[in-house]
PDB file of N, CA and C in Angstrom:
ATOM      1  N   MET A   1    -157.773-154.373 113.839  1.00  0.00           N
ATOM      2  CA  MET A   1    -158.193-155.706 114.175  1.00  0.00           C
ATOM      3  C   MET A   1    -159.372-156.094 113.268  1.00  0.00           C
ATOM      4  N   ALA A   2    -159.330-157.303 112.753  1.00  0.00           N
ATOM      5  CA  ALA A   2    -160.364-157.765 111.835  1.00  0.00           C
ATOM      6  C   ALA A   2    -161.644-158.115 112.579  1.00  0.00           C
ATOM      7  N   ASP A   3    -162.766-157.756 111.960  1.00  0.00           N
ATOM      8  CA  ASP A   3    -164.050-158.130 112.551  1.00  0.00           C
ATOM      9  C   ASP A   3    -164.798-159.060 111.596  1.00  0.00           C
ATOM     10  N   ILE A   4    -166.018-159.379 111.917  1.00  0.00           N
ATOM     11  CA  ILE A   4    -166.804-160.333 111.143  1.00  0.00           C
ATOM     12  C   ILE A   4    -167.035-159.841 109.709  1.00  0.00           C
ATOM     13  N   ALA A   5    -167.182-158.537 109.518  1.00  0.00           N
ATOM     14  CA  ALA A   5    -167.390-157.982 108.176  1.00  0.00           C
ATOM     15  C   ALA A   5    -166.150-158.190 107.299  1.00  0.00           C
ATOM     16  N   ASP A   6    -164.967-158.044 107.895  1.00  0.00           N
ATOM     17  CA  ASP A   6    -163.734-158.273 107.142  1.00  0.00           C
ATOM     18  C   ASP A   6    -163.622-159.722 106.700  1.00  0.00           C
ATOM     19  N   PHE A   7    -163.957-160.635 107.586  1.00  0.00           N
ATOM     20  CA  PHE A   7    -163.916-162.052 107.235  1.00  0.00           C
ATOM     21  C   PHE A   7    -164.933-162.368 106.134  1.00  0.00           C
ATOM     22  N   ALA A   8    -166.116-161.776 106.225  1.00  0.00           N
ATOM     23  CA  ALA A   8    -167.146-161.993 105.208  1.00  0.00           C
ATOM     24  C   ALA A   8    -166.683-161.447 103.858  1.00  0.00           C
ATOM     25  N   ASN A   9    -166.081-160.268 103.855  1.00  0.00           N
ATOM     26  CA  ASN A   9    -165.564-159.692 102.611  1.00  0.00           C
ATOM     27  C   ASN A   9    -164.476-160.576 102.004  1.00  0.00           C
ATOM     28  N   ASP A  10    -163.598-161.094 102.847  1.00  0.00           N
ATOM     29  CA  ASP A  10    -162.541-161.986 102.355  1.00  0.00           C
ATOM     30  C   ASP A  10    -163.127-163.252 101.742  1.00  0.00           C
ATOM     31  N   LEU A  11    -164.142-163.800 102.391  1.00  0.00           N
ATOM     32  CA  LEU A  11    -164.789-165.015 101.888  1.00  0.00           C
ATOM     33  C   LEU A  11    -165.474-164.762 100.547  1.00  0.00           C
ATOM     34  N   VAL A  12    -166.182-163.649 100.438  1.00  0.00           N
ATOM     35  CA  VAL A  12    -166.851-163.303  99.184  1.00  0.00           C
ATOM     36  C   VAL A  12    -165.826-163.094  98.078  1.00  0.00           C
ATOM     37  N   GLN A  13    -164.725-162.392  98.365  1.00  0.00           N
ATOM     38  CA  GLN A  13    -163.696-162.147  97.360  1.00  0.00           C
ATOM     39  C   GLN A  13    -163.055-163.452  96.910  1.00  0.00           C
ATOM     40  N   GLU A  14    -162.816-164.356  97.839  1.00  0.00           N
ATOM     41  CA  GLU A  14    -162.251-165.660  97.501  1.00  0.00           C
ATOM     42  C   GLU A  14    -163.196-166.439  96.584  1.00  0.00           C
ATOM     43  N   CYS A  15    -164.477-166.364  96.878  1.00  0.00           N
ATOM     44  CA  CYS A  15    -165.481-167.050  96.057  1.00  0.00           C
ATOM     45  C   CYS A  15    -165.531-166.446  94.652  1.00  0.00           C
ATOM     46  N   ILE A  16    -165.499-165.135  94.549  1.00  0.00           N
ATOM     47  CA  ILE A  16    -165.495-164.460  93.246  1.00  0.00           C
ATOM     48  C   ILE A  16    -164.258-164.856  92.451  1.00  0.00           C
ATOM     49  N   ASP A  17    -163.087-164.820  93.092  1.00  0.00           N
ATOM     50  CA  ASP A  17    -161.846-165.192  92.411  1.00  0.00           C
ATOM     51  C   ASP A  17    -161.897-166.631  91.904  1.00  0.00           C
ATOM     52  N   HIS A  18    -162.434-167.520  92.726  1.00  0.00           N
ATOM     53  CA  HIS A  18    -162.544-168.928  92.343  1.00  0.00           C
ATOM     54  C   HIS A  18    -163.444-169.100  91.115  1.00  0.00           C
ATOM     55  N   HIS A  19    -164.588-168.444  91.117  1.00  0.00           N
ATOM     56  CA  HIS A  19    -165.526-168.574  90.006  1.00  0.00           C
ATOM     57  C   HIS A  19    -164.993-167.921  88.730  1.00  0.00           C
ATOM     58  N   LEU A  20    -164.301-166.804  88.860  1.00  0.00           N
ATOM     59  CA  LEU A  20    -163.699-166.177  87.676  1.00  0.00           C
ATOM     60  C   LEU A  20    -162.618-167.066  87.076  1.00  0.00           C
ATOM     61  N   ALA A  21    -161.806-167.676  87.931  1.00  0.00           N
ATOM     62  CA  ALA A  21    -160.763-168.576  87.437  1.00  0.00           C
ATOM     63  C   ALA A  21    -161.377-169.786  86.736  1.00  0.00           C
ATOM     64  N   ALA A  22    -162.452-170.308  87.285  1.00  0.00           N
ATOM     65  CA  ALA A  22    -163.129-171.445  86.655  1.00  0.00           C
ATOM     66  C   ALA A  22    -163.729-171.040  85.314  1.00  0.00           C
ATOM     67  N   ARG A  23    -164.263-169.850  85.236  1.00  0.00           N
ATOM     68  CA  ARG A  23    -164.852-169.370  83.980  1.00  0.00           C
ATOM     69  C   ARG A  23    -163.784-169.199  82.903  1.00  0.00           C
ATOM     70  N   VAL A  24    -162.650-168.628  83.277  1.00  0.00           N
ATOM     71  CA  VAL A  24    -161.557-168.453  82.317  1.00  0.00           C
ATOM     72  C   VAL A  24    -161.040-169.812  81.850  1.00  0.00           C
ATOM     73  N   ALA A  25    -160.914-170.749  82.774  1.00  0.00           N
ATOM     74  CA  ALA A  25    -160.415-172.082  82.424  1.00  0.00           C
ATOM     75  C   ALA A  25    -161.390-172.825  81.512  1.00  0.00           C
ATOM     76  N   ALA A  26    -162.676-172.541  81.629  1.00  0.00           N
ATOM     77  CA  ALA A  26    -163.678-173.242  80.829  1.00  0.00           C
ATOM     78  C   ALA A  26    -163.835-172.667  79.427  1.00  0.00           C
ATOM     79  N   LYS A  27    -163.297-171.483  79.190  1.00  0.00           N
ATOM     80  CA  LYS A  27    -163.413-170.879  77.861  1.00  0.00           C
ATOM     81  C   LYS A  27    -162.660-171.719  76.843  1.00  0.00           C
ATOM     82  N   PRO A  28    -163.255-171.925  75.690  1.00  0.00           N
ATOM     83  CA  PRO A  28    -162.529-172.665  74.658  1.00  0.00           C
ATOM     84  C   PRO A  28    -161.357-171.825  74.151  1.00  0.00           C
ATOM     85  N   LYS A  29    -160.275-172.497  73.894  1.00  0.00           N
ATOM     86  CA  LYS A  29    -159.095-171.808  73.383  1.00  0.00           C
ATOM     87  C   LYS A  29    -159.315-171.476  71.913  1.00  0.00           C
ATOM     88  N   LEU A  30    -159.039-170.244  71.545  1.00  0.00           N
ATOM     89  CA  LEU A  30    -159.206-169.822  70.162  1.00  0.00           C
ATOM     90  C   LEU A  30    -158.048-170.332  69.319  1.00  0.00           C
ATOM     91  N   ALA A  31    -158.367-170.784  68.147  1.00  0.00           N
ATOM     92  CA  ALA A  31    -157.320-171.192  67.216  1.00  0.00           C
ATOM     93  C   ALA A  31    -156.600-169.947  66.739  1.00  0.00           C
ATOM     94  N   ALA A  32    -155.306-170.009  66.703  1.00  0.00           N
ATOM     95  CA  ALA A  32    -154.510-168.858  66.282  1.00  0.00           C
ATOM     96  C   ALA A  32    -154.464-168.804  64.761  1.00  0.00           C
ATOM     97  N   ALA A  33    -155.560-168.366  64.168  1.00  0.00           N
ATOM     98  CA  ALA A  33    -155.629-168.252  62.718  1.00  0.00           C
ATOM     99  C   ALA A  33    -155.533-166.790  62.332  1.00  0.00           C
ATOM    100  N   SER A  34    -154.802-166.517  61.302  1.00  0.00           N
ATOM    101  CA  SER A  34    -154.653-165.153  60.824  1.00  0.00           C
ATOM    102  C   SER A  34    -155.875-164.738  60.013  1.00  0.00           C
ATOM    103  N   PHE A  35    -156.156-163.449  60.047  1.00  0.00           N
ATOM    104  CA  PHE A  35    -157.238-162.908  59.237  1.00  0.00           C
ATOM    105  C   PHE A  35    -156.778-162.819  57.781  1.00  0.00           C
ATOM    106  N   LEU A  36    -157.697-162.913  56.866  1.00  0.00           N
ATOM    107  CA  LEU A  36    -157.373-162.718  55.444  1.00  0.00           C
ATOM    108  C   LEU A  36    -157.353-161.241  55.102  1.00  0.00           C
ATOM    109  N   PHE A  37    -158.157-160.451  55.832  1.00  0.00           N
ATOM    110  CA  PHE A  37    -158.235-159.019  55.586  1.00  0.00           C
ATOM    111  C   PHE A  37    -157.978-158.271  56.886  1.00  0.00           C
ATOM    112  N   CYS A  38    -157.347-157.120  56.775  1.00  0.00           N
ATOM    113  CA  CYS A  38    -157.013-156.294  57.934  1.00  0.00           C
ATOM    114  C   CYS A  38    -158.292-155.838  58.624  1.00  0.00           C
ATOM    115  N   GLU A  39    -158.322-155.931  59.964  1.00  0.00           N
ATOM    116  CA  GLU A  39    -159.506-155.518  60.703  1.00  0.00           C
ATOM    117  C   GLU A  39    -159.658-154.006  60.747  1.00  0.00           C
ATOM    118  N   CYS A  40    -158.618-153.258  60.403  1.00  0.00           N
ATOM    119  CA  CYS A  40    -158.689-151.797  60.430  1.00  0.00           C
ATOM    120  C   CYS A  40    -159.039-151.214  59.061  1.00  0.00           C
ATOM    121  N   CYS A  41    -158.222-151.537  58.069  1.00  0.00           N
ATOM    122  CA  CYS A  41    -158.398-150.918  56.749  1.00  0.00           C
ATOM    123  C   CYS A  41    -159.072-151.845  55.740  1.00  0.00           C
ATOM    124  N   GLU A  42    -159.248-153.106  56.095  1.00  0.00           N
ATOM    125  CA  GLU A  42    -159.903-154.111  55.270  1.00  0.00           C
ATOM    126  C   GLU A  42    -159.149-154.450  53.982  1.00  0.00           C
ATOM    127  N   ASP A  43    -157.872-154.094  53.912  1.00  0.00           N
ATOM    128  CA  ASP A  43    -157.031-154.522  52.795  1.00  0.00           C
ATOM    129  C   ASP A  43    -156.622-155.974  53.027  1.00  0.00           C
ATOM    130  N   PRO A  44    -156.330-156.715  51.953  1.00  0.00           N
ATOM    131  CA  PRO A  44    -155.881-158.099  52.135  1.00  0.00           C
ATOM    132  C   PRO A  44    -154.534-158.146  52.869  1.00  0.00           C
ATOM    133  N   ILE A  45    -154.389-159.117  53.744  1.00  0.00           N
ATOM    134  CA  ILE A  45    -153.109-159.326  54.429  1.00  0.00           C
ATOM    135  C   ILE A  45    -152.325-160.329  53.590  1.00  0.00           C
ATOM    136  N   PRO A  46    -151.102-159.982  53.187  1.00  0.00           N
ATOM    137  CA  PRO A  46    -150.310-160.887  52.351  1.00  0.00           C
ATOM    138  C   PRO A  46    -150.086-162.243  53.028  1.00  0.00           C
ATOM    139  N   GLU A  47    -150.044-163.281  52.208  1.00  0.00           N
ATOM    140  CA  GLU A  47    -149.885-164.637  52.738  1.00  0.00           C
ATOM    141  C   GLU A  47    -148.588-164.782  53.523  1.00  0.00           C
ATOM    142  N   ALA A  48    -147.531-164.134  53.062  1.00  0.00           N
ATOM    143  CA  ALA A  48    -146.244-164.230  53.762  1.00  0.00           C
ATOM    144  C   ALA A  48    -146.369-163.716  55.198  1.00  0.00           C
ATOM    145  N   ARG A  49    -147.107-162.624  55.392  1.00  0.00           N
ATOM    146  CA  ARG A  49    -147.295-162.096  56.756  1.00  0.00           C
ATOM    147  C   ARG A  49    -148.159-163.048  57.575  1.00  0.00           C
ATOM    148  N   ARG A  50    -149.211-163.587  56.985  1.00  0.00           N
ATOM    149  CA  ARG A  50    -150.090-164.498  57.716  1.00  0.00           C
ATOM    150  C   ARG A  50    -149.343-165.749  58.158  1.00  0.00           C
ATOM    151  N   LEU A  51    -148.387-166.204  57.351  1.00  0.00           N
ATOM    152  CA  LEU A  51    -147.606-167.382  57.722  1.00  0.00           C
ATOM    153  C   LEU A  51    -146.522-167.044  58.734  1.00  0.00           C
ATOM    154  N   ALA A  52    -145.909-165.875  58.582  1.00  0.00           N
ATOM    155  CA  ALA A  52    -144.826-165.479  59.479  1.00  0.00           C
ATOM    156  C   ALA A  52    -145.346-165.061  60.859  1.00  0.00           C
ATOM    157  N   GLN A  53    -146.500-164.410  60.893  1.00  0.00           N
ATOM    158  CA  GLN A  53    -147.075-163.910  62.139  1.00  0.00           C
ATOM    159  C   GLN A  53    -148.435-164.569  62.334  1.00  0.00           C
ATOM    160  N   VAL A  54    -148.425-165.799  62.823  1.00  0.00           N
ATOM    161  CA  VAL A  54    -149.665-166.549  63.000  1.00  0.00           C
ATOM    162  C   VAL A  54    -150.577-165.810  63.977  1.00  0.00           C
ATOM    163  N   GLY A  55    -151.821-165.650  63.593  1.00  0.00           N
ATOM    164  CA  GLY A  55    -152.775-164.954  64.442  1.00  0.00           C
ATOM    165  C   GLY A  55    -152.862-163.467  64.185  1.00  0.00           C
ATOM    166  N   CYS A  56    -152.206-162.979  63.144  1.00  0.00           N
ATOM    167  CA  CYS A  56    -152.238-161.535  62.883  1.00  0.00           C
ATOM    168  C   CYS A  56    -153.637-161.119  62.433  1.00  0.00           C
ATOM    169  N   THR A  57    -154.016-159.917  62.806  1.00  0.00           N
ATOM    170  CA  THR A  57    -155.335-159.392  62.455  1.00  0.00           C
ATOM    171  C   THR A  57    -155.241-158.095  61.672  1.00  0.00           C
ATOM    172  N   GLN A  58    -154.025-157.574  61.528  1.00  0.00           N
ATOM    173  CA  GLN A  58    -153.835-156.306  60.838  1.00  0.00           C
ATOM    174  C   GLN A  58    -152.726-156.431  59.806  1.00  0.00           C
ATOM    175  N   CYS A  59    -152.807-155.569  58.780  1.00  0.00           N
ATOM    176  CA  CYS A  59    -151.727-155.511  57.802  1.00  0.00           C
ATOM    177  C   CYS A  59    -150.512-154.851  58.465  1.00  0.00           C
ATOM    178  N   VAL A  60    -149.400-154.856  57.783  1.00  0.00           N
ATOM    179  CA  VAL A  60    -148.163-154.315  58.363  1.00  0.00           C
ATOM    180  C   VAL A  60    -148.316-152.833  58.694  1.00  0.00           C
ATOM    181  N   SER A  61    -148.927-152.070  57.807  1.00  0.00           N
ATOM    182  CA  SER A  61    -149.080-150.624  58.032  1.00  0.00           C
ATOM    183  C   SER A  61    -149.928-150.331  59.257  1.00  0.00           C
ATOM    184  N   CYS A  62    -151.074-150.979  59.341  1.00  0.00           N
ATOM    185  CA  CYS A  62    -151.967-150.746  60.489  1.00  0.00           C
ATOM    186  C   CYS A  62    -151.345-151.248  61.788  1.00  0.00           C
ATOM    187  N   GLN A  63    -150.615-152.363  61.732  1.00  0.00           N
ATOM    188  CA  GLN A  63    -149.954-152.878  62.926  1.00  0.00           C
ATOM    189  C   GLN A  63    -148.886-151.913  63.409  1.00  0.00           C
ATOM    190  N   ALA A  64    -148.160-151.285  62.482  1.00  0.00           N
ATOM    191  CA  ALA A  64    -147.145-150.308  62.861  1.00  0.00           C
ATOM    192  C   ALA A  64    -147.790-149.108  63.547  1.00  0.00           C
ATOM    193  N   ILE A  65    -148.928-148.671  63.032  1.00  0.00           N
ATOM    194  CA  ILE A  65    -149.643-147.545  63.648  1.00  0.00           C
ATOM    195  C   ILE A  65    -150.135-147.935  65.038  1.00  0.00           C
ATOM    196  N   THR A  66    -150.690-149.120  65.170  1.00  0.00           N
ATOM    197  CA  THR A  66    -151.173-149.604  66.469  1.00  0.00           C
ATOM    198  C   THR A  66    -150.026-149.713  67.469  1.00  0.00           C
ATOM    199  N   ASP A  67    -148.891-150.274  67.038  1.00  0.00           N
ATOM    200  CA  ASP A  67    -147.736-150.412  67.930  1.00  0.00           C
ATOM    201  C   ASP A  67    -147.224-149.050  68.385  1.00  0.00           C
ATOM    202  N   ALA A  68    -147.169-148.083  67.451  1.00  0.00           N
ATOM    203  CA  ALA A  68    -146.694-146.742  67.799  1.00  0.00           C
ATOM    204  C   ALA A  68    -147.654-146.076  68.786  1.00  0.00           C
ATOM    205  N   TRP A  69    -148.959-146.237  68.561  1.00  0.00           N
ATOM    206  CA  TRP A  69    -149.951-145.647  69.457  1.00  0.00           C
ATOM    207  C   TRP A  69    -149.845-146.260  70.842  1.00  0.00           C
ATOM    208  N   GLU A  70    -149.718-147.606  70.909  1.00  0.00           N
ATOM    209  CA  GLU A  70    -149.610-148.270  72.206  1.00  0.00           C
ATOM    210  C   GLU A  70    -148.338-147.873  72.942  1.00  0.00           C
ATOM    211  N   ALA A  71    -147.243-147.723  72.206  1.00  0.00           N
ATOM    212  CA  ALA A  71    -145.984-147.317  72.840  1.00  0.00           C
ATOM    213  C   ALA A  71    -146.099-145.906  73.392  1.00  0.00           C
ATOM    214  N   ARG A  72    -146.783-145.042  72.672  1.00  0.00           N
ATOM    215  CA  ARG A  72    -146.932-143.655  73.094  1.00  0.00           C
ATOM    216  C   ARG A  72    -147.856-143.540  74.294  1.00  0.00           C
ATOM    217  N   HIS A  73    -148.853-144.410  74.388  1.00  0.00           N
ATOM    218  CA  HIS A  73    -149.849-144.298  75.455  1.00  0.00           C
ATOM    219  C   HIS A  73    -149.667-145.322  76.569  1.00  0.00           C
ATOM    220  N   ALA A  74    -148.535-145.996  76.595  1.00  0.00           N
ATOM    221  CA  ALA A  74    -148.291-147.035  77.596  1.00  0.00           C
ATOM    222  C   ALA A  74    -147.914-146.467  78.956  1.00  0.00           C
ATOM    223  N   ARG A  75    -147.645-145.204  79.015  1.00  0.00           N
ATOM    224  CA  ARG A  75    -147.172-144.606  80.272  1.00  0.00           C
ATOM    225  C   ARG A  75    -148.210-144.522  81.301  1.00  0.00           C
TER     226      ARG A  75
END
């Protein structure tokens, strides 16, 4: 059976959720611009990749390594 503490906890959680949602909604949306240089190895990212994959931050080699690592550790 719920008591006053449970109701207070629910109210606080609702308030936190509301404020977090408002904060996320207020964040400016980032422009999906591709990096000129890979964030991992700092090699230039070819223009064809930047145009084909808008918002890319890694070269093809580093992205393949990242994808393989994420697939291996997704469990």
